[in-house]
Amino acid sequence: MDIAETKAKLKQVLVDELMLPHGPEEIADATPLFGPEGLGLDSVDALQVVVALEKHFGLKVGDAEVAKKVLHSVDSIIEALEQEKQ
């Protein structure tokens, strides 16, 4: 799976797992996932995202400091997935 396919799958997973009110095509790669300037996710959503990343992509995010960086945006999650492959 190339990066574009992975991004598309990730966005669909976010929409499905978090029951977001919009489609995956409306999520920009660099849009922050948390906070009012982004998707507006909260700490409960963060836990769901962590579980979804492990379930769908095998990415484990156990450390809170690492999670803050990894869960910033679709781009940051993709970067972590790419690093995990190496």
PDB file of N, CA and C in Angstrom:
ATOM      1  N   MET A   1       0.845  -1.174   0.000  1.00  0.00           N
ATOM      2  CA  MET A   1       0.000   0.000   0.000  1.00  0.00           C
ATOM      3  C   MET A   1       0.892   1.240   0.000  1.00  0.00           C
ATOM      4  N   ASP A   2       0.652   2.149  -0.955  1.00  0.00           N
ATOM      5  CA  ASP A   2       1.470   3.362  -0.987  1.00  0.00           C
ATOM      6  C   ASP A   2       0.924   4.407  -0.015  1.00  0.00           C
ATOM      7  N   ILE A   3       1.629   5.527   0.092  1.00  0.00           N
ATOM      8  CA  ILE A   3       1.274   6.543   1.087  1.00  0.00           C
ATOM      9  C   ILE A   3      -0.122   7.117   0.824  1.00  0.00           C
ATOM     10  N   ALA A   4      -0.466   7.359  -0.429  1.00  0.00           N
ATOM     11  CA  ALA A   4      -1.788   7.914  -0.750  1.00  0.00           C
ATOM     12  C   ALA A   4      -2.899   6.958  -0.319  1.00  0.00           C
ATOM     13  N   GLU A   5      -2.701   5.670  -0.573  1.00  0.00           N
ATOM     14  CA  GLU A   5      -3.697   4.668  -0.162  1.00  0.00           C
ATOM     15  C   GLU A   5      -3.785   4.580   1.356  1.00  0.00           C
ATOM     16  N   THR A   6      -2.635   4.662   2.015  1.00  0.00           N
ATOM     17  CA  THR A   6      -2.610   4.613   3.473  1.00  0.00           C
ATOM     18  C   THR A   6      -3.327   5.814   4.065  1.00  0.00           C
ATOM     19  N   LYS A   7      -3.098   7.003   3.490  1.00  0.00           N
ATOM     20  CA  LYS A   7      -3.783   8.216   3.966  1.00  0.00           C
ATOM     21  C   LYS A   7      -5.290   8.069   3.800  1.00  0.00           C
ATOM     22  N   ALA A   8      -5.722   7.574   2.644  1.00  0.00           N
ATOM     23  CA  ALA A   8      -7.154   7.402   2.388  1.00  0.00           C
ATOM     24  C   ALA A   8      -7.757   6.418   3.388  1.00  0.00           C
ATOM     25  N   LYS A   9      -7.056   5.306   3.633  1.00  0.00           N
ATOM     26  CA  LYS A   9      -7.549   4.317   4.600  1.00  0.00           C
ATOM     27  C   LYS A   9      -7.594   4.917   6.003  1.00  0.00           C
ATOM     28  N   LEU A  10      -6.561   5.670   6.384  1.00  0.00           N
ATOM     29  CA  LEU A  10      -6.510   6.290   7.700  1.00  0.00           C
ATOM     30  C   LEU A  10      -7.677   7.257   7.891  1.00  0.00           C
ATOM     31  N   LYS A  11      -7.930   8.079   6.902  1.00  0.00           N
ATOM     32  CA  LYS A  11      -9.038   9.030   7.001  1.00  0.00           C
ATOM     33  C   LYS A  11     -10.371   8.303   7.134  1.00  0.00           C
ATOM     34  N   GLN A  12     -10.543   7.216   6.383  1.00  0.00           N
ATOM     35  CA  GLN A  12     -11.782   6.439   6.479  1.00  0.00           C
ATOM     36  C   GLN A  12     -11.910   5.803   7.859  1.00  0.00           C
ATOM     37  N   VAL A  13     -10.802   5.301   8.399  1.00  0.00           N
ATOM     38  CA  VAL A  13     -10.813   4.720   9.749  1.00  0.00           C
ATOM     39  C   VAL A  13     -11.206   5.776  10.771  1.00  0.00           C
ATOM     40  N   LEU A  14     -10.648   6.982  10.660  1.00  0.00           N
ATOM     41  CA  LEU A  14     -10.994   8.056  11.587  1.00  0.00           C
ATOM     42  C   LEU A  14     -12.492   8.374  11.528  1.00  0.00           C
ATOM     43  N   VAL A  15     -13.027   8.489  10.325  1.00  0.00           N
ATOM     44  CA  VAL A  15     -14.451   8.788  10.150  1.00  0.00           C
ATOM     45  C   VAL A  15     -15.304   7.668  10.742  1.00  0.00           C
ATOM     46  N   ASP A  16     -14.948   6.421  10.445  1.00  0.00           N
ATOM     47  CA  ASP A  16     -15.741   5.279  10.910  1.00  0.00           C
ATOM     48  C   ASP A  16     -15.649   5.084  12.420  1.00  0.00           C
ATOM     49  N   GLU A  17     -14.428   5.081  12.946  1.00  0.00           N
ATOM     50  CA  GLU A  17     -14.222   4.788  14.369  1.00  0.00           C
ATOM     51  C   GLU A  17     -14.734   5.900  15.280  1.00  0.00           C
ATOM     52  N   LEU A  18     -14.624   7.153  14.818  1.00  0.00           N
ATOM     53  CA  LEU A  18     -15.032   8.290  15.642  1.00  0.00           C
ATOM     54  C   LEU A  18     -16.428   8.798  15.287  1.00  0.00           C
ATOM     55  N   MET A  19     -17.035   8.161  14.284  1.00  0.00           N
ATOM     56  CA  MET A  19     -18.360   8.558  13.812  1.00  0.00           C
ATOM     57  C   MET A  19     -18.410  10.068  13.529  1.00  0.00           C
ATOM     58  N   LEU A  20     -17.412  10.518  12.775  1.00  0.00           N
ATOM     59  CA  LEU A  20     -17.322  11.939  12.435  1.00  0.00           C
ATOM     60  C   LEU A  20     -18.469  12.335  11.513  1.00  0.00           C
ATOM     61  N   PRO A  21     -18.946  13.576  11.628  1.00  0.00           N
ATOM     62  CA  PRO A  21     -20.097  14.019  10.840  1.00  0.00           C
ATOM     63  C   PRO A  21     -19.771  14.395   9.388  1.00  0.00           C
ATOM     64  N   HIS A  22     -18.548  14.145   8.956  1.00  0.00           N
ATOM     65  CA  HIS A  22     -18.173  14.472   7.584  1.00  0.00           C
ATOM     66  C   HIS A  22     -17.360  13.330   6.987  1.00  0.00           C
ATOM     67  N   GLY A  23     -17.157  13.393   5.683  1.00  0.00           N
ATOM     68  CA  GLY A  23     -16.465  12.323   4.989  1.00  0.00           C
ATOM     69  C   GLY A  23     -14.956  12.448   5.048  1.00  0.00           C
ATOM     70  N   PRO A  24     -14.266  11.362   4.712  1.00  0.00           N
ATOM     71  CA  PRO A  24     -12.800  11.363   4.746  1.00  0.00           C
ATOM     72  C   PRO A  24     -12.181  12.382   3.801  1.00  0.00           C
ATOM     73  N   GLU A  25     -12.868  12.686   2.707  1.00  0.00           N
ATOM     74  CA  GLU A  25     -12.337  13.650   1.740  1.00  0.00           C
ATOM     75  C   GLU A  25     -12.288  15.066   2.307  1.00  0.00           C
ATOM     76  N   GLU A  26     -12.989  15.311   3.396  1.00  0.00           N
ATOM     77  CA  GLU A  26     -13.010  16.639   4.016  1.00  0.00           C
ATOM     78  C   GLU A  26     -11.893  16.833   5.046  1.00  0.00           C
ATOM     79  N   ILE A  27     -11.109  15.782   5.301  1.00  0.00           N
ATOM     80  CA  ILE A  27     -10.013  15.869   6.264  1.00  0.00           C
ATOM     81  C   ILE A  27      -8.724  16.150   5.501  1.00  0.00           C
ATOM     82  N   ALA A  28      -8.171  17.332   5.702  1.00  0.00           N
ATOM     83  CA  ALA A  28      -6.908  17.677   5.050  1.00  0.00           C
ATOM     84  C   ALA A  28      -5.761  16.982   5.779  1.00  0.00           C
ATOM     85  N   ASP A  29      -4.722  16.654   5.043  1.00  0.00           N
ATOM     86  CA  ASP A  29      -3.595  15.905   5.612  1.00  0.00           C
ATOM     87  C   ASP A  29      -2.944  16.611   6.797  1.00  0.00           C
ATOM     88  N   ALA A  30      -2.865  17.939   6.738  1.00  0.00           N
ATOM     89  CA  ALA A  30      -2.163  18.691   7.780  1.00  0.00           C
ATOM     90  C   ALA A  30      -3.097  19.283   8.843  1.00  0.00           C
ATOM     91  N   THR A  31      -4.397  19.056   8.720  1.00  0.00           N
ATOM     92  CA  THR A  31      -5.351  19.593   9.699  1.00  0.00           C
ATOM     93  C   THR A  31      -5.110  18.970  11.068  1.00  0.00           C
ATOM     94  N   PRO A  32      -4.974  19.805  12.104  1.00  0.00           N
ATOM     95  CA  PRO A  32      -4.819  19.244  13.457  1.00  0.00           C
ATOM     96  C   PRO A  32      -6.048  18.411  13.833  1.00  0.00           C
ATOM     97  N   LEU A  33      -5.822  17.276  14.466  1.00  0.00           N
ATOM     98  CA  LEU A  33      -6.943  16.430  14.871  1.00  0.00           C
ATOM     99  C   LEU A  33      -7.628  16.975  16.115  1.00  0.00           C
ATOM    100  N   PHE A  34      -6.862  17.652  16.965  1.00  0.00           N
ATOM    101  CA  PHE A  34      -7.390  18.139  18.239  1.00  0.00           C
ATOM    102  C   PHE A  34      -7.437  19.655  18.252  1.00  0.00           C
ATOM    103  N   GLY A  35      -8.365  20.202  19.044  1.00  0.00           N
ATOM    104  CA  GLY A  35      -8.466  21.645  19.188  1.00  0.00           C
ATOM    105  C   GLY A  35      -9.469  22.255  18.238  1.00  0.00           C
ATOM    106  N   PRO A  36      -9.865  23.483  18.541  1.00  0.00           N
ATOM    107  CA  PRO A  36     -10.915  24.153  17.758  1.00  0.00           C
ATOM    108  C   PRO A  36     -10.508  24.503  16.324  1.00  0.00           C
ATOM    109  N   GLU A  37      -9.195  24.636  16.063  1.00  0.00           N
ATOM    110  CA  GLU A  37      -8.751  24.957  14.703  1.00  0.00           C
ATOM    111  C   GLU A  37      -8.664  23.721  13.812  1.00  0.00           C
ATOM    112  N   GLY A  38      -8.909  22.547  14.394  1.00  0.00           N
ATOM    113  CA  GLY A  38      -8.840  21.304  13.632  1.00  0.00           C
ATOM    114  C   GLY A  38     -10.162  20.570  13.651  1.00  0.00           C
ATOM    115  N   LEU A  39     -10.082  19.260  13.810  1.00  0.00           N
ATOM    116  CA  LEU A  39     -11.291  18.434  13.848  1.00  0.00           C
ATOM    117  C   LEU A  39     -12.017  18.520  15.185  1.00  0.00           C
ATOM    118  N   GLY A  40     -11.352  19.061  16.197  1.00  0.00           N
ATOM    119  CA  GLY A  40     -11.994  19.229  17.490  1.00  0.00           C
ATOM    120  C   GLY A  40     -12.105  17.957  18.320  1.00  0.00           C
ATOM    121  N   LEU A  41     -11.221  16.992  18.065  1.00  0.00           N
ATOM    122  CA  LEU A  41     -11.253  15.759  18.846  1.00  0.00           C
ATOM    123  C   LEU A  41     -10.848  16.050  20.288  1.00  0.00           C
ATOM    124  N   ASP A  42     -11.280  15.158  21.210  1.00  0.00           N
ATOM    125  CA  ASP A  42     -10.934  15.323  22.623  1.00  0.00           C
ATOM    126  C   ASP A  42     -10.185  14.102  23.141  1.00  0.00           C
ATOM    127  N   SER A  43      -9.958  14.043  24.451  1.00  0.00           N
ATOM    128  CA  SER A  43      -9.148  12.965  25.028  1.00  0.00           C
ATOM    129  C   SER A  43      -9.793  11.591  24.863  1.00  0.00           C
ATOM    130  N   VAL A  44     -11.110  11.519  24.886  1.00  0.00           N
ATOM    131  CA  VAL A  44     -11.792  10.240  24.656  1.00  0.00           C
ATOM    132  C   VAL A  44     -11.545   9.788  23.217  1.00  0.00           C
ATOM    133  N   ASP A  45     -11.623  10.746  22.293  1.00  0.00           N
ATOM    134  CA  ASP A  45     -11.344  10.442  20.887  1.00  0.00           C
ATOM    135  C   ASP A  45      -9.904   9.963  20.717  1.00  0.00           C
ATOM    136  N   ALA A  46      -8.978  10.566  21.469  1.00  0.00           N
ATOM    137  CA  ALA A  46      -7.563  10.184  21.380  1.00  0.00           C
ATOM    138  C   ALA A  46      -7.395   8.710  21.689  1.00  0.00           C
ATOM    139  N   LEU A  47      -8.073   8.240  22.721  1.00  0.00           N
ATOM    140  CA  LEU A  47      -7.992   6.821  23.081  1.00  0.00           C
ATOM    141  C   LEU A  47      -8.532   5.955  21.950  1.00  0.00           C
ATOM    142  N   GLN A  48      -9.638   6.377  21.359  1.00  0.00           N
ATOM    143  CA  GLN A  48     -10.205   5.623  20.243  1.00  0.00           C
ATOM    144  C   GLN A  48      -9.252   5.594  19.051  1.00  0.00           C
ATOM    145  N   VAL A  49      -8.584   6.711  18.799  1.00  0.00           N
ATOM    146  CA  VAL A  49      -7.633   6.772  17.681  1.00  0.00           C
ATOM    147  C   VAL A  49      -6.465   5.829  17.935  1.00  0.00           C
ATOM    148  N   VAL A  50      -5.946   5.827  19.165  1.00  0.00           N
ATOM    149  CA  VAL A  50      -4.824   4.941  19.514  1.00  0.00           C
ATOM    150  C   VAL A  50      -5.220   3.486  19.296  1.00  0.00           C
ATOM    151  N   VAL A  51      -6.405   3.113  19.750  1.00  0.00           N
ATOM    152  CA  VAL A  51      -6.891   1.734  19.583  1.00  0.00           C
ATOM    153  C   VAL A  51      -7.072   1.413  18.097  1.00  0.00           C
ATOM    154  N   ALA A  52      -7.627   2.359  17.345  1.00  0.00           N
ATOM    155  CA  ALA A  52      -7.847   2.146  15.907  1.00  0.00           C
ATOM    156  C   ALA A  52      -6.529   1.996  15.153  1.00  0.00           C
ATOM    157  N   LEU A  53      -5.522   2.786  15.530  1.00  0.00           N
ATOM    158  CA  LEU A  53      -4.220   2.683  14.860  1.00  0.00           C
ATOM    159  C   LEU A  53      -3.592   1.320  15.094  1.00  0.00           C
ATOM    160  N   GLU A  54      -3.737   0.808  16.299  1.00  0.00           N
ATOM    161  CA  GLU A  54      -3.178  -0.515  16.571  1.00  0.00           C
ATOM    162  C   GLU A  54      -3.967  -1.595  15.840  1.00  0.00           C
ATOM    163  N   LYS A  55      -5.283  -1.476  15.839  1.00  0.00           N
ATOM    164  CA  LYS A  55      -6.151  -2.478  15.214  1.00  0.00           C
ATOM    165  C   LYS A  55      -5.984  -2.522  13.696  1.00  0.00           C
ATOM    166  N   HIS A  56      -5.962  -1.363  13.067  1.00  0.00           N
ATOM    167  CA  HIS A  56      -5.961  -1.302  11.598  1.00  0.00           C
ATOM    168  C   HIS A  56      -4.572  -1.234  10.972  1.00  0.00           C
ATOM    169  N   PHE A  57      -3.596  -0.703  11.721  1.00  0.00           N
ATOM    170  CA  PHE A  57      -2.275  -0.478  11.137  1.00  0.00           C
ATOM    171  C   PHE A  57      -1.135  -1.123  11.923  1.00  0.00           C
ATOM    172  N   GLY A  58      -1.442  -1.683  13.102  1.00  0.00           N
ATOM    173  CA  GLY A  58      -0.400  -2.305  13.912  1.00  0.00           C
ATOM    174  C   GLY A  58       0.527  -1.308  14.585  1.00  0.00           C
ATOM    175  N   LEU A  59       0.140  -0.030  14.628  1.00  0.00           N
ATOM    176  CA  LEU A  59       0.973   1.010  15.238  1.00  0.00           C
ATOM    177  C   LEU A  59       0.606   1.141  16.715  1.00  0.00           C
ATOM    178  N   LYS A  60       1.595   0.935  17.573  1.00  0.00           N
ATOM    179  CA  LYS A  60       1.372   1.056  19.014  1.00  0.00           C
ATOM    180  C   LYS A  60       1.904   2.402  19.488  1.00  0.00           C
ATOM    181  N   VAL A  61       1.039   3.149  20.167  1.00  0.00           N
ATOM    182  CA  VAL A  61       1.401   4.452  20.716  1.00  0.00           C
ATOM    183  C   VAL A  61       1.140   4.369  22.216  1.00  0.00           C
ATOM    184  N   GLY A  62       2.193   4.039  22.982  1.00  0.00           N
ATOM    185  CA  GLY A  62       2.008   3.833  24.405  1.00  0.00           C
ATOM    186  C   GLY A  62       2.378   5.018  25.267  1.00  0.00           C
ATOM    187  N   ASP A  63       3.275   5.832  24.798  1.00  0.00           N
ATOM    188  CA  ASP A  63       3.791   6.954  25.583  1.00  0.00           C
ATOM    189  C   ASP A  63       2.997   8.225  25.281  1.00  0.00           C
ATOM    190  N   ALA A  64       2.594   8.952  26.332  1.00  0.00           N
ATOM    191  CA  ALA A  64       1.771  10.157  26.163  1.00  0.00           C
ATOM    192  C   ALA A  64       2.487  11.243  25.370  1.00  0.00           C
ATOM    193  N   GLU A  65       3.790  11.427  25.608  1.00  0.00           N
ATOM    194  CA  GLU A  65       4.540  12.445  24.875  1.00  0.00           C
ATOM    195  C   GLU A  65       4.644  12.094  23.394  1.00  0.00           C
ATOM    196  N   VAL A  66       4.876  10.822  23.110  1.00  0.00           N
ATOM    197  CA  VAL A  66       4.942  10.372  21.715  1.00  0.00           C
ATOM    198  C   VAL A  66       3.567  10.540  21.071  1.00  0.00           C
ATOM    199  N   ALA A  67       2.512  10.206  21.814  1.00  0.00           N
ATOM    200  CA  ALA A  67       1.151  10.314  21.287  1.00  0.00           C
ATOM    201  C   ALA A  67       0.824  11.744  20.877  1.00  0.00           C
ATOM    202  N   LYS A  68       1.277  12.721  21.651  1.00  0.00           N
ATOM    203  CA  LYS A  68       1.014  14.126  21.310  1.00  0.00           C
ATOM    204  C   LYS A  68       1.580  14.474  19.944  1.00  0.00           C
ATOM    205  N   LYS A  69       2.760  13.953  19.642  1.00  0.00           N
ATOM    206  CA  LYS A  69       3.391  14.233  18.348  1.00  0.00           C
ATOM    207  C   LYS A  69       2.737  13.421  17.233  1.00  0.00           C
ATOM    208  N   VAL A  70       2.539  12.132  17.483  1.00  0.00           N
ATOM    209  CA  VAL A  70       2.009  11.234  16.458  1.00  0.00           C
ATOM    210  C   VAL A  70       0.573  11.594  16.090  1.00  0.00           C
ATOM    211  N   LEU A  71      -0.251  11.927  17.064  1.00  0.00           N
ATOM    212  CA  LEU A  71      -1.674  12.162  16.819  1.00  0.00           C
ATOM    213  C   LEU A  71      -2.004  13.599  16.426  1.00  0.00           C
ATOM    214  N   HIS A  72      -1.011  14.362  16.033  1.00  0.00           N
ATOM    215  CA  HIS A  72      -1.252  15.759  15.664  1.00  0.00           C
ATOM    216  C   HIS A  72      -2.131  15.896  14.416  1.00  0.00           C
ATOM    217  N   SER A  73      -1.814  15.126  13.380  1.00  0.00           N
ATOM    218  CA  SER A  73      -2.528  15.239  12.101  1.00  0.00           C
ATOM    219  C   SER A  73      -2.409  13.919  11.340  1.00  0.00           C
ATOM    220  N   VAL A  74      -3.096  13.848  10.217  1.00  0.00           N
ATOM    221  CA  VAL A  74      -2.970  12.670   9.350  1.00  0.00           C
ATOM    222  C   VAL A  74      -1.507  12.528   8.912  1.00  0.00           C
ATOM    223  N   ASP A  75      -0.882  13.640   8.546  1.00  0.00           N
ATOM    224  CA  ASP A  75       0.520  13.599   8.120  1.00  0.00           C
ATOM    225  C   ASP A  75       1.436  13.036   9.202  1.00  0.00           C
ATOM    226  N   SER A  76       1.222  13.447  10.456  1.00  0.00           N
ATOM    227  CA  SER A  76       2.096  12.964  11.530  1.00  0.00           C
ATOM    228  C   SER A  76       1.877  11.479  11.814  1.00  0.00           C
ATOM    229  N   ILE A  77       0.646  11.008  11.660  1.00  0.00           N
ATOM    230  CA  ILE A  77       0.368   9.580  11.835  1.00  0.00           C
ATOM    231  C   ILE A  77       1.038   8.782  10.710  1.00  0.00           C
ATOM    232  N   ILE A  78       0.934   9.278   9.493  1.00  0.00           N
ATOM    233  CA  ILE A  78       1.566   8.611   8.345  1.00  0.00           C
ATOM    234  C   ILE A  78       3.079   8.554   8.546  1.00  0.00           C
ATOM    235  N   GLU A  79       3.664   9.639   9.040  1.00  0.00           N
ATOM    236  CA  GLU A  79       5.113   9.662   9.310  1.00  0.00           C
ATOM    237  C   GLU A  79       5.478   8.576  10.322  1.00  0.00           C
ATOM    238  N   ALA A  80       4.676   8.441  11.362  1.00  0.00           N
ATOM    239  CA  ALA A  80       4.947   7.396  12.376  1.00  0.00           C
ATOM    240  C   ALA A  80       4.797   6.001  11.775  1.00  0.00           C
ATOM    241  N   LEU A  81       3.820   5.811  10.919  1.00  0.00           N
ATOM    242  CA  LEU A  81       3.640   4.513  10.257  1.00  0.00           C
ATOM    243  C   LEU A  81       4.843   4.199   9.362  1.00  0.00           C
ATOM    244  N   GLU A  82       5.339   5.194   8.648  1.00  0.00           N
ATOM    245  CA  GLU A  82       6.493   4.989   7.779  1.00  0.00           C
ATOM    246  C   GLU A  82       7.739   4.654   8.597  1.00  0.00           C
ATOM    247  N   GLN A  83       7.931   5.322   9.726  1.00  0.00           N
ATOM    248  CA  GLN A  83       9.066   5.040  10.596  1.00  0.00           C
ATOM    249  C   GLN A  83       8.978   3.620  11.178  1.00  0.00           C
ATOM    250  N   GLU A  84       7.763   3.202  11.462  1.00  0.00           N
ATOM    251  CA  GLU A  84       7.534   1.856  12.028  1.00  0.00           C
ATOM    252  C   GLU A  84       7.945   0.763  11.029  1.00  0.00           C
ATOM    253  N   LYS A  85       7.777   1.058   9.734  1.00  0.00           N
ATOM    254  CA  LYS A  85       8.128   0.082   8.696  1.00  0.00           C
ATOM    255  C   LYS A  85       9.632  -0.156   8.601  1.00  0.00           C
ATOM    256  N   GLN A  86      10.419   0.843   8.988  1.00  0.00           N
ATOM    257  CA  GLN A  86      11.880   0.756   8.818  1.00  0.00           C
ATOM    258  C   GLN A  86      12.520  -0.151   9.818  1.00  0.00           C
TER     259      GLN A  86
END
